[in-house]
Amino acid sequence: MNVDSGHNKTTRTLVGKKTVALTLANTEEKRRLFIDALQNSGNIRASCKPAGISRSTAYVWRNKWATFAAEWDEALEDACDVLEAEARRRGMSISDRLLMFLLKAHRPEVFGEKAQVDITSGGEKLILTWERNAEDSD
């Protein structure tokens, strides 16, 4: 049964012998719990657990509400920033390989993948240079 009381829509559902009210505020709280967890984990399935929702519900909400989709995207960006900061910390202290990945990502003009081929034909020299950048990986 749906009861529309202006802006605060309430759905009453019979559970056993009790009626449970599911309000918009309840949904907003679940959305907030999901976004907070996503910001910390960067994982959709893991973020559904503290919100008490299914993965499919999260995607329905994402498609239904543009503001929720924007919050979702921002939360994933925040989670990636945390990963990048940790990678930087580890790269600076313990991992030359990780450090090289970071340098390739942030300074591709210096540390990116490059190839150069010199071809001499008929006395003329032709030099072909290829640099891989972020656009090449799409």
Protein backbone atom coordinates (compact mmCIF):
# COMPACT_ATOMS: atom_id res chain seq x y z
CA MET A 1 0.00 0.00 0.00
CA ASN A 2 1.40 3.42 -0.96
CA VAL A 3 0.57 6.49 1.08
CA ASP A 4 1.57 9.75 -0.56
CA SER A 5 1.89 12.44 2.07
CA GLY A 6 3.26 15.23 -0.07
CA HIS A 7 7.01 15.05 -0.58
CA ASN A 8 7.64 12.26 1.95
CA LYS A 9 6.26 9.16 0.23
CA THR A 10 5.71 6.18 2.53
CA THR A 11 5.25 2.57 1.51
CA ARG A 12 3.78 0.28 4.14
CA THR A 13 4.61 -3.39 3.81
CA LEU A 14 3.13 -6.19 5.86
CA VAL A 15 5.95 -8.26 7.39
CA GLY A 16 4.58 -11.09 9.50
CA LYS A 17 1.98 -9.43 11.73
CA LYS A 18 3.72 -6.02 11.75
CA THR A 19 3.50 -3.22 9.24
CA VAL A 20 6.87 -1.71 8.34
CA ALA A 21 7.07 1.81 6.95
CA LEU A 22 9.68 2.31 4.24
CA THR A 23 10.11 6.03 3.78
CA LEU A 24 12.07 8.19 1.44
CA ALA A 25 14.28 9.05 4.41
CA ASN A 26 15.06 5.34 4.80
CA THR A 27 16.05 5.14 1.14
CA GLU A 28 18.17 8.29 1.47
CA GLU A 29 19.97 6.76 4.45
CA LYS A 30 20.66 3.58 2.49
CA ARG A 31 21.94 5.63 -0.45
CA ARG A 32 24.26 7.57 1.91
CA LEU A 33 25.56 4.34 3.50
CA PHE A 34 26.24 2.91 0.04
CA ILE A 35 28.09 6.03 -1.17
CA ASP A 36 30.18 6.23 2.02
CA ALA A 37 31.17 2.58 1.69
CA LEU A 38 31.93 2.99 -2.02
CA GLN A 39 34.16 5.97 -1.28
CA ASN A 40 36.17 3.80 1.11
CA SER A 41 36.22 0.53 -0.81
CA GLY A 42 35.78 1.31 -4.50
CA ASN A 43 33.80 -1.96 -4.71
CA ILE A 44 30.12 -2.04 -5.63
CA ARG A 45 29.22 -5.40 -4.07
CA ALA A 46 31.05 -4.63 -0.82
CA SER A 47 29.33 -1.23 -0.63
CA CYS A 48 25.87 -2.77 -0.85
CA LYS A 49 26.31 -4.73 2.40
CA PRO A 50 26.39 -1.84 4.90
CA ALA A 51 23.45 -0.24 3.08
CA GLY A 52 21.47 -3.48 3.23
CA ILE A 53 20.70 -3.43 -0.48
CA SER A 54 21.32 -5.76 -3.39
CA ARG A 55 23.74 -4.97 -6.20
CA SER A 56 20.83 -4.77 -8.64
CA THR A 57 19.08 -2.22 -6.40
CA ALA A 58 22.21 -0.06 -6.46
CA TYR A 59 22.21 -0.09 -10.26
CA VAL A 60 18.46 0.63 -10.44
CA TRP A 61 19.02 3.67 -8.21
CA ARG A 62 22.00 4.74 -10.32
CA ASN A 63 19.85 4.66 -13.47
CA LYS A 64 16.88 6.30 -11.72
CA TRP A 65 18.59 9.26 -10.00
CA ALA A 66 21.19 11.42 -11.76
CA THR A 67 22.36 12.90 -8.45
CA PHE A 68 22.99 9.42 -7.07
CA ALA A 69 24.91 8.50 -10.25
CA ALA A 70 27.06 11.63 -9.84
CA GLU A 71 27.71 10.82 -6.16
CA TRP A 72 28.62 7.25 -7.21
CA ASP A 73 31.13 8.51 -9.79
CA GLU A 74 32.65 10.94 -7.28
CA ALA A 75 32.93 8.19 -4.65
CA LEU A 76 34.81 5.97 -7.13
CA GLU A 77 37.16 8.87 -7.95
CA ASP A 78 37.82 9.36 -4.23
CA ALA A 79 38.54 5.64 -3.83
CA CYS A 80 41.00 5.80 -6.75
CA ASP A 81 42.70 8.83 -5.20
CA VAL A 82 43.30 6.79 -2.04
CA LEU A 83 44.76 3.94 -4.13
CA GLU A 84 46.99 6.34 -6.00
CA ALA A 85 48.26 7.90 -2.76
CA GLU A 86 49.08 4.45 -1.38
CA ALA A 87 50.80 3.45 -4.62
CA ARG A 88 52.87 6.62 -4.45
CA ARG A 89 53.83 5.93 -0.83
CA ARG A 90 54.86 2.36 -1.67
CA GLY A 91 56.61 3.40 -4.88
CA MET A 92 58.66 6.00 -3.04
CA SER A 93 59.68 3.62 -0.28
CA ILE A 94 59.76 0.01 -1.46
CA SER A 95 58.92 -0.63 -5.10
CA ASP A 96 60.93 0.54 -8.09
CA ARG A 97 58.44 -1.11 -10.45
CA LEU A 98 55.48 0.66 -8.89
CA LEU A 99 57.42 3.92 -8.99
CA MET A 100 57.99 3.42 -12.73
CA PHE A 101 54.25 2.84 -13.32
CA LEU A 102 53.48 6.10 -11.52
CA LEU A 103 56.09 8.00 -13.53
CA LYS A 104 54.73 6.55 -16.79
CA ALA A 105 51.22 7.66 -15.81
CA HIS A 106 52.14 11.17 -14.72
CA ARG A 107 55.09 11.93 -17.01
CA PRO A 108 54.44 9.95 -20.22
CA GLU A 109 56.49 12.39 -22.30
CA VAL A 110 59.59 11.36 -20.33
CA PHE A 111 58.82 7.86 -19.05
CA GLY A 112 56.16 6.64 -21.49
CA GLU A 113 56.61 3.85 -23.96
CA LYS A 114 58.41 4.98 -27.10
CA ALA A 115 59.64 3.24 -30.22
CA GLN A 116 61.85 4.59 -32.96
CA VAL A 117 62.71 2.96 -36.27
CA ASP A 118 65.40 4.29 -38.61
CA ILE A 119 64.99 3.20 -42.22
CA THR A 120 67.54 3.94 -44.90
CA SER A 121 66.43 3.45 -48.48
CA GLY A 122 68.06 4.81 -51.62
CA GLY A 123 70.42 6.98 -49.57
CA GLU A 124 67.60 8.70 -47.66
CA LYS A 125 67.01 8.16 -43.97
CA LEU A 126 63.46 7.97 -42.65
CA ILE A 127 62.85 8.06 -38.89
CA LEU A 128 59.52 6.85 -37.53
CA THR A 129 58.72 7.55 -33.90
CA TRP A 130 55.74 6.25 -31.95
CA GLU A 131 54.83 7.29 -28.45
CA ARG A 132 52.08 5.56 -26.56
CA ASN A 133 49.87 7.92 -24.58
CA ALA A 134 46.59 7.69 -22.69
CA GLU A 135 44.49 8.10 -25.86
CA ASP A 136 46.19 5.07 -27.47
CA SER A 137 44.94 2.74 -24.74
CA ASP A 138 41.23 3.36 -25.44
